[in-house]
Protein backbone atom coordinates (compact mmCIF):
# COMPACT_ATOMS: atom_id res chain seq x y z
CA MET A 1 77.62 -1.83 -0.57
CA PRO A 2 78.22 -3.11 2.88
CA PRO A 3 77.97 -7.08 3.31
CA SER A 4 74.81 -6.34 5.78
CA ALA A 5 72.98 -4.58 3.16
CA THR A 6 73.85 -7.22 0.44
CA ALA A 7 72.59 -10.18 2.73
CA SER A 8 69.44 -8.23 3.68
CA SER A 9 68.76 -7.43 -0.28
CA SER A 10 69.06 -11.09 -0.94
CA ALA A 11 66.87 -12.33 1.73
CA PHE A 12 63.21 -13.58 1.37
CA THR A 13 60.47 -11.58 3.07
CA PRO A 14 56.89 -11.89 3.17
CA SER A 15 56.35 -9.30 0.51
CA ALA A 16 58.80 -10.68 -1.90
CA PRO A 17 57.67 -12.35 -5.00
CA GLY A 18 57.44 -16.13 -4.74
CA PHE A 19 57.18 -15.98 -0.88
CA LEU A 20 54.59 -18.84 0.42
CA ARG A 21 53.79 -18.69 4.03
CA ARG A 22 53.33 -22.26 5.54
CA ARG A 23 49.71 -22.79 6.45
CA SER A 24 49.19 -22.92 10.23
CA PRO A 25 46.62 -25.51 11.78
CA LEU A 26 44.17 -22.44 12.18
CA ASP A 27 44.59 -21.81 8.31
CA VAL A 28 43.78 -25.31 7.58
CA LEU A 29 40.80 -25.52 10.09
CA LEU A 30 39.17 -21.94 8.77
CA GLY A 31 39.73 -23.51 5.34
CA GLU A 32 37.94 -26.66 5.90
CA VAL A 33 35.02 -25.06 7.78
CA ASP A 34 34.72 -22.46 4.95
CA ARG A 35 34.61 -25.67 2.39
CA ALA A 36 32.09 -27.52 4.53
CA LEU A 37 29.72 -24.45 4.59
CA GLN A 38 30.03 -24.18 0.77
CA VAL A 39 29.02 -27.76 0.57
CA LEU A 40 26.33 -27.98 3.06
CA SER A 41 24.53 -24.53 2.04
CA ASN A 42 24.45 -25.86 -1.65
CA ASN A 43 26.62 -23.08 -2.94
CA ALA A 44 29.27 -25.43 -4.47
CA SER A 45 29.68 -24.70 -8.29
CA ALA A 46 30.65 -27.05 -10.94
CA SER A 47 33.83 -26.21 -12.89
CA ARG A 48 32.45 -28.46 -15.70
CA PRO A 49 29.51 -28.26 -18.03
CA TYR A 50 26.20 -29.93 -16.82
CA PRO A 51 26.24 -33.19 -18.43
CA ALA A 52 22.33 -33.88 -18.08
CA GLY A 53 21.96 -32.74 -21.94
CA ALA A 54 19.47 -30.55 -23.43
CA GLU A 55 16.04 -30.45 -22.04
CA VAL A 56 13.49 -31.10 -25.05
CA GLY A 57 9.88 -30.56 -24.60
CA ASP A 58 7.69 -31.71 -21.47
CA ASP A 59 9.11 -33.80 -18.68
CA PRO A 60 7.61 -37.42 -19.67
CA LEU A 61 8.01 -38.46 -16.05
CA THR A 62 4.98 -39.39 -13.92
CA ALA A 63 4.62 -38.01 -10.43
CA GLN A 64 5.95 -41.33 -9.01
CA GLU A 65 8.89 -41.72 -11.31
CA LYS A 66 9.76 -38.15 -10.53
CA ARG A 67 9.64 -39.04 -6.79
CA HIS A 68 11.90 -42.35 -7.32
CA ALA A 69 14.43 -40.42 -9.51
CA ALA A 70 14.67 -37.65 -6.85
CA GLY A 71 15.33 -40.28 -4.05
CA LEU A 72 18.08 -41.84 -6.29
CA MET A 73 19.67 -38.33 -7.00
CA ARG A 74 19.31 -37.45 -3.42
CA VAL A 75 21.21 -40.62 -2.36
CA ASN A 76 23.90 -39.77 -5.13
CA HIS A 77 24.18 -36.24 -3.64
CA VAL A 78 24.83 -37.61 -0.16
CA GLY A 79 27.26 -40.05 -1.59
CA GLU A 80 29.08 -36.79 -3.15
CA VAL A 81 28.80 -34.79 0.27
CA CYS A 82 30.60 -37.94 2.20
CA ALA A 83 33.11 -38.21 -0.60
CA GLN A 84 34.12 -34.60 -0.52
CA ALA A 85 34.37 -34.70 3.42
CA LEU A 86 36.19 -37.97 3.21
CA TYR A 87 38.93 -37.10 0.59
CA ARG A 88 39.54 -33.55 2.33
CA GLY A 89 39.91 -35.41 5.85
CA GLN A 90 42.32 -37.79 4.20
CA ALA A 91 44.32 -34.85 2.59
CA VAL A 92 44.70 -32.93 5.90
CA ALA A 93 46.36 -36.00 7.64
CA CYS A 94 48.23 -36.88 4.64
CA ALA A 95 52.03 -35.78 4.90
CA GLU A 96 52.87 -37.05 1.45
CA PRO A 97 52.36 -34.22 -1.15
CA ALA A 98 51.62 -36.53 -4.31
CA ALA A 99 49.06 -38.49 -2.61
CA ARG A 100 47.59 -35.25 -0.99
CA ALA A 101 47.41 -33.67 -4.48
CA LEU A 102 45.75 -36.58 -5.53
CA LEU A 103 42.95 -36.60 -2.97
CA LEU A 104 42.42 -32.81 -3.58
CA ASP A 105 42.18 -33.38 -7.13
CA ALA A 106 39.45 -36.18 -6.60
CA ALA A 107 37.69 -33.95 -4.09
CA ALA A 108 37.57 -31.03 -6.80
CA GLU A 109 35.86 -33.43 -9.25
CA GLU A 110 33.22 -34.56 -6.37
CA VAL A 111 32.32 -30.67 -6.24
CA ASP A 112 31.27 -31.02 -9.75
CA HIS A 113 29.09 -34.01 -8.79
CA LEU A 114 27.59 -32.23 -5.93
CA ALA A 115 26.51 -29.42 -8.05
CA TRP A 116 25.06 -31.79 -10.56
CA CYS A 117 23.08 -33.61 -8.20
CA ALA A 118 21.67 -30.68 -6.47
CA ARG A 119 20.59 -29.21 -9.98
CA ARG A 120 18.93 -32.28 -10.93
CA LEU A 121 17.18 -32.55 -7.86
CA ASP A 122 15.87 -29.13 -8.12
CA GLU A 123 14.65 -29.82 -11.68
CA LEU A 124 12.66 -32.98 -10.22
CA GLY A 125 11.27 -30.64 -7.71
CA SER A 126 12.92 -32.13 -4.89
CA HIS A 127 15.34 -31.33 -2.24
CA VAL A 128 19.03 -32.54 -0.68
CA SER A 129 19.01 -34.87 2.59
CA VAL A 130 18.42 -32.92 5.84
CA PHE A 131 21.09 -35.25 7.16
CA ASN A 132 24.01 -33.80 5.16
CA PRO A 133 25.78 -32.04 8.16
CA LEU A 134 25.97 -35.36 10.05
CA TRP A 135 27.24 -37.30 6.81
CA TYR A 136 29.70 -34.51 6.18
CA ALA A 137 31.02 -34.65 9.84
CA GLY A 138 31.32 -38.54 9.96
CA SER A 139 33.11 -38.77 6.74
CA PHE A 140 35.51 -36.06 7.54
CA ALA A 141 36.49 -37.83 10.81
CA LEU A 142 36.65 -41.04 9.06
CA GLY A 143 39.04 -39.36 6.24
CA LEU A 144 41.10 -37.95 9.06
CA ALA A 145 41.73 -41.71 10.44
CA ALA A 146 42.25 -43.24 7.16
CA GLY A 147 45.00 -40.37 6.39
CA ARG A 148 46.58 -41.54 9.43
CA ALA A 149 47.31 -45.01 8.17
CA GLY A 150 50.13 -44.30 5.86
CA VAL A 151 50.18 -43.76 2.12
CA PRO A 152 49.31 -47.10 0.78
CA ARG A 153 46.32 -47.63 3.14
CA ASN A 154 45.00 -44.08 2.74
CA LEU A 155 45.07 -44.37 -1.13
CA GLY A 156 43.51 -47.92 -0.63
CA PHE A 157 40.60 -46.22 1.10
CA MET A 158 40.08 -43.86 -1.61
CA ALA A 159 40.35 -46.78 -4.26
CA GLU A 160 37.97 -48.87 -2.07
CA THR A 161 35.43 -46.01 -1.74
CA GLU A 162 35.36 -45.39 -5.41
CA ARG A 163 35.16 -49.18 -6.17
CA GLN A 164 31.92 -49.39 -4.01
CA VAL A 165 30.56 -45.93 -5.41
CA GLU A 166 31.06 -47.10 -8.89
CA ALA A 167 28.81 -50.25 -8.08
CA HIS A 168 26.46 -48.22 -6.52
CA LEU A 169 25.94 -46.01 -9.48
CA ASP A 170 25.73 -48.84 -11.67
CA SER A 171 22.76 -50.30 -9.72
CA HIS A 172 21.08 -46.59 -10.18
CA LEU A 173 21.42 -46.99 -13.96
CA LYS A 174 19.19 -50.10 -13.58
CA VAL A 175 16.40 -48.51 -11.81
CA LEU A 176 16.44 -44.89 -13.03
CA PRO A 177 13.13 -44.54 -14.93
CA ALA A 178 14.01 -45.54 -18.50
CA GLN A 179 13.09 -42.17 -19.97
CA ASP A 180 14.92 -40.02 -17.28
CA GLN A 181 17.96 -39.53 -19.73
CA ARG A 182 18.79 -36.52 -17.84
CA SER A 183 19.46 -38.24 -14.60
CA ARG A 184 21.12 -40.95 -16.50
CA ASN A 185 23.47 -38.82 -18.28
CA VAL A 186 24.47 -37.27 -14.86
CA VAL A 187 25.05 -40.51 -13.26
CA GLU A 188 26.98 -41.91 -16.41
CA GLN A 189 29.40 -39.08 -16.07
CA MET A 190 29.85 -39.43 -12.41
CA LYS A 191 30.61 -43.16 -12.82
CA GLN A 192 33.23 -42.34 -15.25
CA ASP A 193 34.74 -39.95 -12.75
CA GLU A 194 34.87 -42.43 -10.05
CA ILE A 195 36.57 -45.16 -12.43
CA ASN A 196 39.07 -42.64 -13.04
CA HIS A 197 39.74 -41.79 -9.30
CA ARG A 198 39.96 -45.46 -8.43
CA VAL A 199 42.53 -46.17 -11.43
CA SER A 200 44.55 -43.24 -10.29
CA ALA A 201 44.92 -44.48 -6.74
CA GLU A 202 45.84 -47.75 -7.76
CA ARG A 203 48.53 -46.59 -10.05
CA ALA A 204 49.70 -44.27 -7.12
CA GLY A 205 50.17 -47.48 -4.89
CA ALA A 206 46.86 -48.25 -3.14
CA THR A 207 46.85 -51.30 -1.29
CA PRO A 208 43.70 -53.53 -0.72
CA LEU A 209 41.83 -52.99 2.74
CA PRO A 210 41.03 -55.99 4.98
CA LEU A 211 37.89 -57.68 4.13
CA PRO A 212 36.33 -56.40 7.60
CA VAL A 213 37.14 -52.81 6.67
CA ARG A 214 35.56 -53.27 3.36
CA GLY A 215 32.39 -54.83 4.84
CA ALA A 216 31.95 -51.93 7.30
CA MET A 217 32.31 -49.45 4.66
CA ARG A 218 29.28 -51.34 2.82
CA ALA A 219 27.35 -51.70 6.03
CA LEU A 220 27.66 -47.83 6.62
CA SER A 221 26.73 -47.14 2.89
CA ARG A 222 23.31 -49.12 3.25
CA VAL A 223 22.62 -47.28 6.34
CA MET A 224 23.09 -43.91 4.38
CA THR A 225 21.61 -44.86 1.19
CA THR A 226 18.46 -46.13 3.03
CA THR A 227 18.00 -42.78 5.00
CA ALA A 228 19.01 -40.71 2.12
CA TYR A 229 16.21 -42.12 -0.29
CA TRP A 230 13.52 -40.61 1.74
CA ILE A 231 15.08 -37.87 3.75
């Protein structure tokens, strides 16, 4: 066989097994637009079972309790919209493969949370926030900025986000109607997942964020939660 034929037969081609084409910026953009549309159109599907538990008998909640529980679950849903956008923005801007994989794994679990919160809102006869597109866009932009701050700060942003979300979910467990066990089960599972995400980020080398940044994050969170409770 001529040398040229040998070289040709051993070279990788787009159709060869195992060939992986590097994603172009356009591929990345289209992928993120598709993901955003799935999130904002409420088409996200959970990969894990719904943790609310079996529905037994009539719903014991009064109309007022249902409205309150729905407001809290709407806030939780918005939080997951923000987390999904934030982590995907961070992953897009992150050049380190292991850190990027950690962010995308966390984002995948946030999809479960999105689906669970949306389902519970539907059970309570309510709806998701009308401002979700705004929250998603702002969080994605923030994630892009965090992703360019270097891996330790990028993961530090993830750890601080999860720390604040964990505290936020804890506060909801204290004020959800005592008999609303289904919402409580969902929030408890979400809280455990957020703890796992925080610990993973810390073990991967997250560095604490400066106090002013942590304060700004809490201030933005208060604006989001106050608005989302009602609309």
